[in-house]
Amino acid sequence: MHTFNAYILPAMNSPTHPRRDAAVGPRKRTTMTIRPDYLADAKRLGITVSEAAERGLRDAIREAEAARWLTENSDAVTAANDWVEANGLPLADRRLF
């Protein structure tokens, strides 16, 4: 099976994506519950909990957005994969590898 969907996913990891840099922009204070052993390990290792939480939340948002996009566009991805399966890759005869 071809993985055409890798070519048409939104470029969420691009440097220009609005959520690329979690350190930019205003912050909102919030309260969260964390396992005490994780908190102790983070403190021992010099990990800033809020930055780690932001990175984790950013990654979870990206994963959820990608999963939603794949669900919403599954028919198009399937159609594109079917076309490639039936016709081969466009310009495949011109590939140098």
PDB file of N, CA and C in Angstrom:
ATOM      1  N   MET A   1       0.840  -1.184   0.000  1.00  0.00           N
ATOM      2  CA  MET A   1       0.000   0.000   0.000  1.00  0.00           C
ATOM      3  C   MET A   1       0.884   1.246   0.000  1.00  0.00           C
ATOM      4  N   HIS A   2       0.500   2.221  -0.758  1.00  0.00           N
ATOM      5  CA  HIS A   2       1.246   3.479  -0.827  1.00  0.00           C
ATOM      6  C   HIS A   2       0.858   4.377   0.347  1.00  0.00           C
ATOM      7  N   THR A   3       1.780   5.227   0.752  1.00  0.00           N
ATOM      8  CA  THR A   3       1.510   6.144   1.851  1.00  0.00           C
ATOM      9  C   THR A   3       1.409   7.556   1.312  1.00  0.00           C
ATOM     10  N   PHE A   4       0.479   7.751   0.418  1.00  0.00           N
ATOM     11  CA  PHE A   4       0.286   9.058  -0.189  1.00  0.00           C
ATOM     12  C   PHE A   4      -0.082  10.104   0.844  1.00  0.00           C
ATOM     13  N   ASN A   5      -0.794   9.697   1.909  1.00  0.00           N
ATOM     14  CA  ASN A   5      -1.241  10.661   2.907  1.00  0.00           C
ATOM     15  C   ASN A   5      -0.090  11.428   3.545  1.00  0.00           C
ATOM     16  N   ALA A   6       1.101  10.877   3.554  1.00  0.00           N
ATOM     17  CA  ALA A   6       2.241  11.599   4.124  1.00  0.00           C
ATOM     18  C   ALA A   6       2.543  12.864   3.333  1.00  0.00           C
ATOM     19  N   TYR A   7       2.171  12.895   2.080  1.00  0.00           N
ATOM     20  CA  TYR A   7       2.456  14.050   1.245  1.00  0.00           C
ATOM     21  C   TYR A   7       1.394  15.130   1.340  1.00  0.00           C
ATOM     22  N   ILE A   8       0.204  14.787   1.828  1.00  0.00           N
ATOM     23  CA  ILE A   8      -0.854  15.777   1.831  1.00  0.00           C
ATOM     24  C   ILE A   8      -1.317  16.170   3.223  1.00  0.00           C
ATOM     25  N   LEU A   9      -0.620  15.702   4.250  1.00  0.00           N
ATOM     26  CA  LEU A   9      -0.946  16.133   5.603  1.00  0.00           C
ATOM     27  C   LEU A   9      -0.613  17.611   5.766  1.00  0.00           C
ATOM     28  N   PRO A  10      -1.359  18.323   6.597  1.00  0.00           N
ATOM     29  CA  PRO A  10      -1.021  19.729   6.847  1.00  0.00           C
ATOM     30  C   PRO A  10       0.388  19.841   7.421  1.00  0.00           C
ATOM     31  N   ALA A  11       1.048  20.891   7.096  1.00  0.00           N
ATOM     32  CA  ALA A  11       2.437  21.078   7.523  1.00  0.00           C
ATOM     33  C   ALA A  11       2.480  21.647   8.936  1.00  0.00           C
ATOM     34  N   MET A  12       1.974  20.887   9.892  1.00  0.00           N
ATOM     35  CA  MET A  12       1.901  21.369  11.267  1.00  0.00           C
ATOM     36  C   MET A  12       3.267  21.501  11.905  1.00  0.00           C
ATOM     37  N   ASN A  13       4.265  20.839  11.373  1.00  0.00           N
ATOM     38  CA  ASN A  13       5.597  20.934  11.948  1.00  0.00           C
ATOM     39  C   ASN A  13       6.465  21.958  11.234  1.00  0.00           C
ATOM     40  N   SER A  14       5.895  22.691  10.306  1.00  0.00           N
ATOM     41  CA  SER A  14       6.686  23.674   9.579  1.00  0.00           C
ATOM     42  C   SER A  14       7.018  24.859  10.487  1.00  0.00           C
ATOM     43  N   PRO A  15       8.111  25.551  10.210  1.00  0.00           N
ATOM     44  CA  PRO A  15       8.506  26.685  11.046  1.00  0.00           C
ATOM     45  C   PRO A  15       7.495  27.814  11.058  1.00  0.00           C
ATOM     46  N   THR A  16       6.609  27.882  10.070  1.00  0.00           N
ATOM     47  CA  THR A  16       5.644  28.973  10.002  1.00  0.00           C
ATOM     48  C   THR A  16       4.296  28.626  10.613  1.00  0.00           C
ATOM     49  N   HIS A  17       4.121  27.380  11.075  1.00  0.00           N
ATOM     50  CA  HIS A  17       2.845  26.997  11.679  1.00  0.00           C
ATOM     51  C   HIS A  17       2.648  27.802  12.956  1.00  0.00           C
ATOM     52  N   PRO A  18       1.420  28.353  13.193  1.00  0.00           N
ATOM     53  CA  PRO A  18       1.205  29.240  14.337  1.00  0.00           C
ATOM     54  C   PRO A  18       1.481  28.606  15.694  1.00  0.00           C
ATOM     55  N   ARG A  19       1.412  27.286  15.810  1.00  0.00           N
ATOM     56  CA  ARG A  19       1.659  26.647  17.091  1.00  0.00           C
ATOM     57  C   ARG A  19       3.067  26.085  17.191  1.00  0.00           C
ATOM     58  N   ARG A  20       3.933  26.420  16.281  1.00  0.00           N
ATOM     59  CA  ARG A  20       5.285  25.859  16.241  1.00  0.00           C
ATOM     60  C   ARG A  20       6.067  26.168  17.508  1.00  0.00           C
ATOM     61  N   ASP A  21       6.032  27.393  17.955  1.00  0.00           N
ATOM     62  CA  ASP A  21       6.845  27.811  19.086  1.00  0.00           C
ATOM     63  C   ASP A  21       5.952  28.118  20.287  1.00  0.00           C
ATOM     64  N   ALA A  22       5.931  27.193  21.238  1.00  0.00           N
ATOM     65  CA  ALA A  22       5.065  27.353  22.406  1.00  0.00           C
ATOM     66  C   ALA A  22       5.534  28.482  23.322  1.00  0.00           C
ATOM     67  N   ALA A  23       6.779  28.948  23.157  1.00  0.00           N
ATOM     68  CA  ALA A  23       7.299  29.984  24.040  1.00  0.00           C
ATOM     69  C   ALA A  23       6.847  31.383  23.633  1.00  0.00           C
ATOM     70  N   VAL A  24       6.168  31.509  22.510  1.00  0.00           N
ATOM     71  CA  VAL A  24       5.740  32.812  22.024  1.00  0.00           C
ATOM     72  C   VAL A  24       4.308  33.072  22.481  1.00  0.00           C
ATOM     73  N   GLY A  25       4.052  34.305  22.931  1.00  0.00           N
ATOM     74  CA  GLY A  25       2.692  34.690  23.268  1.00  0.00           C
ATOM     75  C   GLY A  25       2.427  34.718  24.759  1.00  0.00           C
ATOM     76  N   PRO A  26       1.265  35.263  25.107  1.00  0.00           N
ATOM     77  CA  PRO A  26       0.909  35.391  26.529  1.00  0.00           C
ATOM     78  C   PRO A  26       0.594  34.034  27.148  1.00  0.00           C
ATOM     79  N   ARG A  27       0.677  33.988  28.446  1.00  0.00           N
ATOM     80  CA  ARG A  27       0.393  32.764  29.193  1.00  0.00           C
ATOM     81  C   ARG A  27      -0.873  32.951  30.022  1.00  0.00           C
ATOM     82  N   LYS A  28      -1.523  31.839  30.335  1.00  0.00           N
ATOM     83  CA  LYS A  28      -2.684  31.849  31.204  1.00  0.00           C
ATOM     84  C   LYS A  28      -2.391  30.919  32.373  1.00  0.00           C
ATOM     85  N   ARG A  29      -2.566  31.425  33.567  1.00  0.00           N
ATOM     86  CA  ARG A  29      -2.323  30.624  34.763  1.00  0.00           C
ATOM     87  C   ARG A  29      -3.407  29.551  34.864  1.00  0.00           C
ATOM     88  N   THR A  30      -2.988  28.354  35.245  1.00  0.00           N
ATOM     89  CA  THR A  30      -3.926  27.249  35.406  1.00  0.00           C
ATOM     90  C   THR A  30      -3.442  26.351  36.536  1.00  0.00           C
ATOM     91  N   THR A  31      -4.299  25.478  36.960  1.00  0.00           N
ATOM     92  CA  THR A  31      -3.958  24.520  38.005  1.00  0.00           C
ATOM     93  C   THR A  31      -4.068  23.133  37.428  1.00  0.00           C
ATOM     94  N   MET A  32      -3.099  22.269  37.748  1.00  0.00           N
ATOM     95  CA  MET A  32      -3.174  20.894  37.286  1.00  0.00           C
ATOM     96  C   MET A  32      -2.650  19.972  38.368  1.00  0.00           C
ATOM     97  N   THR A  33      -3.027  18.730  38.266  1.00  0.00           N
ATOM     98  CA  THR A  33      -2.614  17.722  39.226  1.00  0.00           C
ATOM     99  C   THR A  33      -1.561  16.843  38.564  1.00  0.00           C
ATOM    100  N   ILE A  34      -0.437  16.652  39.260  1.00  0.00           N
ATOM    101  CA  ILE A  34       0.676  15.870  38.725  1.00  0.00           C
ATOM    102  C   ILE A  34       1.081  14.844  39.773  1.00  0.00           C
ATOM    103  N   ARG A  35       1.456  13.664  39.304  1.00  0.00           N
ATOM    104  CA  ARG A  35       1.946  12.637  40.233  1.00  0.00           C
ATOM    105  C   ARG A  35       3.155  13.173  40.991  1.00  0.00           C
ATOM    106  N   PRO A  36       3.194  12.981  42.296  1.00  0.00           N
ATOM    107  CA  PRO A  36       4.309  13.509  43.102  1.00  0.00           C
ATOM    108  C   PRO A  36       5.678  12.997  42.676  1.00  0.00           C
ATOM    109  N   ASP A  37       5.771  11.741  42.246  1.00  0.00           N
ATOM    110  CA  ASP A  37       7.073  11.227  41.828  1.00  0.00           C
ATOM    111  C   ASP A  37       7.549  11.902  40.551  1.00  0.00           C
ATOM    112  N   TYR A  38       6.627  12.229  39.630  1.00  0.00           N
ATOM    113  CA  TYR A  38       7.012  12.962  38.418  1.00  0.00           C
ATOM    114  C   TYR A  38       7.492  14.362  38.789  1.00  0.00           C
ATOM    115  N   LEU A  39       6.798  15.000  39.690  1.00  0.00           N
ATOM    116  CA  LEU A  39       7.170  16.347  40.104  1.00  0.00           C
ATOM    117  C   LEU A  39       8.544  16.345  40.772  1.00  0.00           C
ATOM    118  N   ALA A  40       8.801  15.369  41.628  1.00  0.00           N
ATOM    119  CA  ALA A  40      10.103  15.275  42.298  1.00  0.00           C
ATOM    120  C   ALA A  40      11.219  15.019  41.291  1.00  0.00           C
ATOM    121  N   ASP A  41      10.971  14.121  40.335  1.00  0.00           N
ATOM    122  CA  ASP A  41      11.989  13.836  39.314  1.00  0.00           C
ATOM    123  C   ASP A  41      12.257  15.067  38.449  1.00  0.00           C
ATOM    124  N   ALA A  42      11.212  15.777  38.094  1.00  0.00           N
ATOM    125  CA  ALA A  42      11.382  16.987  37.286  1.00  0.00           C
ATOM    126  C   ALA A  42      12.226  18.011  38.034  1.00  0.00           C
ATOM    127  N   LYS A  43      11.932  18.198  39.300  1.00  0.00           N
ATOM    128  CA  LYS A  43      12.696  19.160  40.100  1.00  0.00           C
ATOM    129  C   LYS A  43      14.158  18.713  40.207  1.00  0.00           C
ATOM    130  N   ARG A  44      14.368  17.426  40.460  1.00  0.00           N
ATOM    131  CA  ARG A  44      15.729  16.884  40.584  1.00  0.00           C
ATOM    132  C   ARG A  44      16.524  17.069  39.294  1.00  0.00           C
ATOM    133  N   LEU A  45      15.847  16.955  38.149  1.00  0.00           N
ATOM    134  CA  LEU A  45      16.522  17.040  36.853  1.00  0.00           C
ATOM    135  C   LEU A  45      16.518  18.457  36.269  1.00  0.00           C
ATOM    136  N   GLY A  46      15.947  19.405  36.982  1.00  0.00           N
ATOM    137  CA  GLY A  46      15.927  20.790  36.510  1.00  0.00           C
ATOM    138  C   GLY A  46      14.959  21.032  35.369  1.00  0.00           C
ATOM    139  N   ILE A  47      13.910  20.229  35.301  1.00  0.00           N
ATOM    140  CA  ILE A  47      12.903  20.379  34.241  1.00  0.00           C
ATOM    141  C   ILE A  47      11.848  21.381  34.704  1.00  0.00           C
ATOM    142  N   THR A  48      11.574  22.369  33.892  1.00  0.00           N
ATOM    143  CA  THR A  48      10.523  23.330  34.191  1.00  0.00           C
ATOM    144  C   THR A  48       9.190  22.688  33.850  1.00  0.00           C
ATOM    145  N   VAL A  49       8.367  22.497  34.857  1.00  0.00           N
ATOM    146  CA  VAL A  49       7.115  21.759  34.691  1.00  0.00           C
ATOM    147  C   VAL A  49       6.190  22.444  33.699  1.00  0.00           C
ATOM    148  N   SER A  50       6.072  23.749  33.762  1.00  0.00           N
ATOM    149  CA  SER A  50       5.156  24.440  32.852  1.00  0.00           C
ATOM    150  C   SER A  50       5.603  24.303  31.398  1.00  0.00           C
ATOM    151  N   GLU A  51       6.917  24.373  31.143  1.00  0.00           N
ATOM    152  CA  GLU A  51       7.417  24.205  29.776  1.00  0.00           C
ATOM    153  C   GLU A  51       7.195  22.779  29.287  1.00  0.00           C
ATOM    154  N   ALA A  52       7.442  21.802  30.169  1.00  0.00           N
ATOM    155  CA  ALA A  52       7.226  20.409  29.794  1.00  0.00           C
ATOM    156  C   ALA A  52       5.745  20.153  29.528  1.00  0.00           C
ATOM    157  N   ALA A  53       4.881  20.732  30.354  1.00  0.00           N
ATOM    158  CA  ALA A  53       3.438  20.571  30.151  1.00  0.00           C
ATOM    159  C   ALA A  53       3.005  21.204  28.833  1.00  0.00           C
ATOM    160  N   GLU A  54       3.547  22.384  28.515  1.00  0.00           N
ATOM    161  CA  GLU A  54       3.224  23.028  27.233  1.00  0.00           C
ATOM    162  C   GLU A  54       3.650  22.172  26.054  1.00  0.00           C
ATOM    163  N   ARG A  55       4.854  21.618  26.122  1.00  0.00           N
ATOM    164  CA  ARG A  55       5.323  20.765  25.032  1.00  0.00           C
ATOM    165  C   ARG A  55       4.426  19.535  24.877  1.00  0.00           C
ATOM    166  N   GLY A  56       4.074  18.927  25.987  1.00  0.00           N
ATOM    167  CA  GLY A  56       3.196  17.759  25.938  1.00  0.00           C
ATOM    168  C   GLY A  56       1.824  18.095  25.393  1.00  0.00           C
ATOM    169  N   LEU A  57       1.275  19.222  25.814  1.00  0.00           N
ATOM    170  CA  LEU A  57      -0.032  19.651  25.313  1.00  0.00           C
ATOM    171  C   LEU A  57       0.041  19.998  23.836  1.00  0.00           C
ATOM    172  N   ARG A  58       1.110  20.682  23.433  1.00  0.00           N
ATOM    173  CA  ARG A  58       1.296  21.017  22.014  1.00  0.00           C
ATOM    174  C   ARG A  58       1.353  19.744  21.175  1.00  0.00           C
ATOM    175  N   ASP A  59       2.097  18.751  21.639  1.00  0.00           N
ATOM    176  CA  ASP A  59       2.195  17.488  20.899  1.00  0.00           C
ATOM    177  C   ASP A  59       0.856  16.771  20.838  1.00  0.00           C
ATOM    178  N   ALA A  60       0.106  16.784  21.940  1.00  0.00           N
ATOM    179  CA  ALA A  60      -1.219  16.153  21.951  1.00  0.00           C
ATOM    180  C   ALA A  60      -2.166  16.860  20.994  1.00  0.00           C
ATOM    181  N   ILE A  61      -2.089  18.182  20.918  1.00  0.00           N
ATOM    182  CA  ILE A  61      -2.925  18.950  19.988  1.00  0.00           C
ATOM    183  C   ILE A  61      -2.560  18.599  18.551  1.00  0.00           C
ATOM    184  N   ARG A  62      -1.279  18.546  18.247  1.00  0.00           N
ATOM    185  CA  ARG A  62      -0.844  18.189  16.894  1.00  0.00           C
ATOM    186  C   ARG A  62      -1.337  16.806  16.502  1.00  0.00           C
ATOM    187  N   GLU A  63      -1.203  15.842  17.422  1.00  0.00           N
ATOM    188  CA  GLU A  63      -1.668  14.481  17.137  1.00  0.00           C
ATOM    189  C   GLU A  63      -3.177  14.452  16.900  1.00  0.00           C
ATOM    190  N   ALA A  64      -3.923  15.173  17.728  1.00  0.00           N
ATOM    191  CA  ALA A  64      -5.383  15.204  17.575  1.00  0.00           C
ATOM    192  C   ALA A  64      -5.788  15.882  16.266  1.00  0.00           C
ATOM    193  N   GLU A  65      -5.085  16.985  15.915  1.00  0.00           N
ATOM    194  CA  GLU A  65      -5.389  17.668  14.656  1.00  0.00           C
ATOM    195  C   GLU A  65      -5.072  16.774  13.457  1.00  0.00           C
ATOM    196  N   ALA A  66      -3.951  16.075  13.513  1.00  0.00           N
ATOM    197  CA  ALA A  66      -3.582  15.177  12.415  1.00  0.00           C
ATOM    198  C   ALA A  66      -4.579  14.031  12.293  1.00  0.00           C
ATOM    199  N   ALA A  67      -4.995  13.466  13.432  1.00  0.00           N
ATOM    200  CA  ALA A  67      -5.976  12.375  13.402  1.00  0.00           C
ATOM    201  C   ALA A  67      -7.307  12.870  12.854  1.00  0.00           C
ATOM    202  N   ARG A  68      -7.719  14.054  13.262  1.00  0.00           N
ATOM    203  CA  ARG A  68      -8.976  14.624  12.750  1.00  0.00           C
ATOM    204  C   ARG A  68      -8.877  14.855  11.251  1.00  0.00           C
ATOM    205  N   TRP A  69      -7.737  15.420  10.813  1.00  0.00           N
ATOM    206  CA  TRP A  69      -7.553  15.685   9.379  1.00  0.00           C
ATOM    207  C   TRP A  69      -7.637  14.387   8.590  1.00  0.00           C
ATOM    208  N   LEU A  70      -6.972  13.334   9.085  1.00  0.00           N
ATOM    209  CA  LEU A  70      -7.000  12.047   8.393  1.00  0.00           C
ATOM    210  C   LEU A  70      -8.415  11.489   8.322  1.00  0.00           C
ATOM    211  N   THR A  71      -9.177  11.641   9.400  1.00  0.00           N
ATOM    212  CA  THR A  71     -10.557  11.171   9.406  1.00  0.00           C
ATOM    213  C   THR A  71     -11.398  11.955   8.408  1.00  0.00           C
ATOM    214  N   GLU A  72     -11.267  13.270   8.435  1.00  0.00           N
ATOM    215  CA  GLU A  72     -12.059  14.127   7.549  1.00  0.00           C
ATOM    216  C   GLU A  72     -11.690  13.938   6.083  1.00  0.00           C
ATOM    217  N   ASN A  73     -10.454  13.554   5.819  1.00  0.00           N
ATOM    218  CA  ASN A  73      -9.979  13.442   4.444  1.00  0.00           C
ATOM    219  C   ASN A  73      -9.696  12.002   4.020  1.00  0.00           C
ATOM    220  N   SER A  74     -10.227  11.047   4.748  1.00  0.00           N
ATOM    221  CA  SER A  74      -9.924   9.646   4.460  1.00  0.00           C
ATOM    222  C   SER A  74     -10.386   9.222   3.070  1.00  0.00           C
ATOM    223  N   ASP A  75     -11.518   9.763   2.605  1.00  0.00           N
ATOM    224  CA  ASP A  75     -11.981   9.410   1.261  1.00  0.00           C
ATOM    225  C   ASP A  75     -10.997   9.890   0.194  1.00  0.00           C
ATOM    226  N   ALA A  76     -10.491  11.099   0.348  1.00  0.00           N
ATOM    227  CA  ALA A  76      -9.534  11.643  -0.619  1.00  0.00           C
ATOM    228  C   ALA A  76      -8.216  10.867  -0.568  1.00  0.00           C
ATOM    229  N   VAL A  77      -7.766  10.518   0.626  1.00  0.00           N
ATOM    230  CA  VAL A  77      -6.521   9.755   0.771  1.00  0.00           C
ATOM    231  C   VAL A  77      -6.684   8.387   0.116  1.00  0.00           C
ATOM    232  N   THR A  78      -7.813   7.741   0.366  1.00  0.00           N
ATOM    233  CA  THR A  78      -8.078   6.435  -0.237  1.00  0.00           C
ATOM    234  C   THR A  78      -8.126   6.531  -1.754  1.00  0.00           C
ATOM    235  N   ALA A  79      -8.802   7.550  -2.260  1.00  0.00           N
ATOM    236  CA  ALA A  79      -8.889   7.736  -3.712  1.00  0.00           C
ATOM    237  C   ALA A  79      -7.508   7.967  -4.316  1.00  0.00           C
ATOM    238  N   ALA A  80      -6.695   8.782  -3.667  1.00  0.00           N
ATOM    239  CA  ALA A  80      -5.341   9.043  -4.169  1.00  0.00           C
ATOM    240  C   ALA A  80      -4.499   7.776  -4.135  1.00  0.00           C
ATOM    241  N   ASN A  81      -4.586   7.026  -3.045  1.00  0.00           N
ATOM    242  CA  ASN A  81      -3.842   5.770  -2.954  1.00  0.00           C
ATOM    243  C   ASN A  81      -4.309   4.771  -4.012  1.00  0.00           C
ATOM    244  N   ASP A  82      -5.615   4.703  -4.241  1.00  0.00           N
ATOM    245  CA  ASP A  82      -6.154   3.809  -5.272  1.00  0.00           C
ATOM    246  C   ASP A  82      -5.646   4.207  -6.654  1.00  0.00           C
ATOM    247  N   TRP A  83      -5.604   5.515  -6.921  1.00  0.00           N
ATOM    248  CA  TRP A  83      -5.127   5.992  -8.222  1.00  0.00           C
ATOM    249  C   TRP A  83      -3.665   5.589  -8.418  1.00  0.00           C
ATOM    250  N   VAL A  84      -2.839   5.807  -7.386  1.00  0.00           N
ATOM    251  CA  VAL A  84      -1.428   5.449  -7.487  1.00  0.00           C
ATOM    252  C   VAL A  84      -1.278   3.940  -7.648  1.00  0.00           C
ATOM    253  N   GLU A  85      -2.085   3.177  -6.950  1.00  0.00           N
ATOM    254  CA  GLU A  85      -2.027   1.719  -7.062  1.00  0.00           C
ATOM    255  C   GLU A  85      -2.359   1.276  -8.488  1.00  0.00           C
ATOM    256  N   ALA A  86      -3.348   1.931  -9.103  1.00  0.00           N
ATOM    257  CA  ALA A  86      -3.779   1.568 -10.456  1.00  0.00           C
ATOM    258  C   ALA A  86      -2.849   2.116 -11.540  1.00  0.00           C
ATOM    259  N   ASN A  87      -2.285   3.305 -11.322  1.00  0.00           N
ATOM    260  CA  ASN A  87      -1.535   3.992 -12.375  1.00  0.00           C
ATOM    261  C   ASN A  87      -0.048   4.135 -12.103  1.00  0.00           C
ATOM    262  N   GLY A  88       0.389   3.847 -10.908  1.00  0.00           N
ATOM    263  CA  GLY A  88       1.784   4.066 -10.547  1.00  0.00           C
ATOM    264  C   GLY A  88       2.025   5.509 -10.152  1.00  0.00           C
ATOM    265  N   LEU A  89       3.216   5.769  -9.686  1.00  0.00           N
ATOM    266  CA  LEU A  89       3.560   7.132  -9.288  1.00  0.00           C
ATOM    267  C   LEU A  89       3.703   8.014 -10.517  1.00  0.00           C
ATOM    268  N   PRO A  90       3.184   9.233 -10.448  1.00  0.00           N
ATOM    269  CA  PRO A  90       3.374  10.156 -11.567  1.00  0.00           C
ATOM    270  C   PRO A  90       4.867  10.393 -11.809  1.00  0.00           C
ATOM    271  N   LEU A  91       5.257  10.391 -13.051  1.00  0.00           N
ATOM    272  CA  LEU A  91       6.641  10.632 -13.466  1.00  0.00           C
ATOM    273  C   LEU A  91       7.620   9.584 -12.937  1.00  0.00           C
ATOM    274  N   ALA A  92       7.116   8.429 -12.556  1.00  0.00           N
ATOM    275  CA  ALA A  92       7.995   7.374 -12.039  1.00  0.00           C
ATOM    276  C   ALA A  92       9.048   6.970 -13.063  1.00  0.00           C
ATOM    277  N   ASP A  93       8.708   7.052 -14.335  1.00  0.00           N
ATOM    278  CA  ASP A  93       9.674   6.669 -15.369  1.00  0.00           C
ATOM    279  C   ASP A  93      10.831   7.656 -15.482  1.00  0.00           C
ATOM    280  N   ARG A  94      10.726   8.806 -14.850  1.00  0.00           N
ATOM    281  CA  ARG A  94      11.779   9.805 -14.913  1.00  0.00           C
ATOM    282  C   ARG A  94      12.651   9.830 -13.643  1.00  0.00           C
ATOM    283  N   ARG A  95      12.350   8.938 -12.712  1.00  0.00           N
ATOM    284  CA  ARG A  95      13.120   8.889 -11.465  1.00  0.00           C
ATOM    285  C   ARG A  95      14.537   8.397 -11.751  1.00  0.00           C
ATOM    286  N   LEU A  96      15.475   8.941 -11.033  1.00  0.00           N
ATOM    287  CA  LEU A  96      16.875   8.567 -11.195  1.00  0.00           C
ATOM    288  C   LEU A  96      17.314   7.521 -10.173  1.00  0.00           C
ATOM    289  N   PHE A  97      16.409   7.074  -9.340  1.00  0.00           N
ATOM    290  CA  PHE A  97      16.762   6.054  -8.345  1.00  0.00           C
ATOM    291  C   PHE A  97      15.797   4.900  -8.410  1.00  0.00           C
TER     292      PHE A  97
END
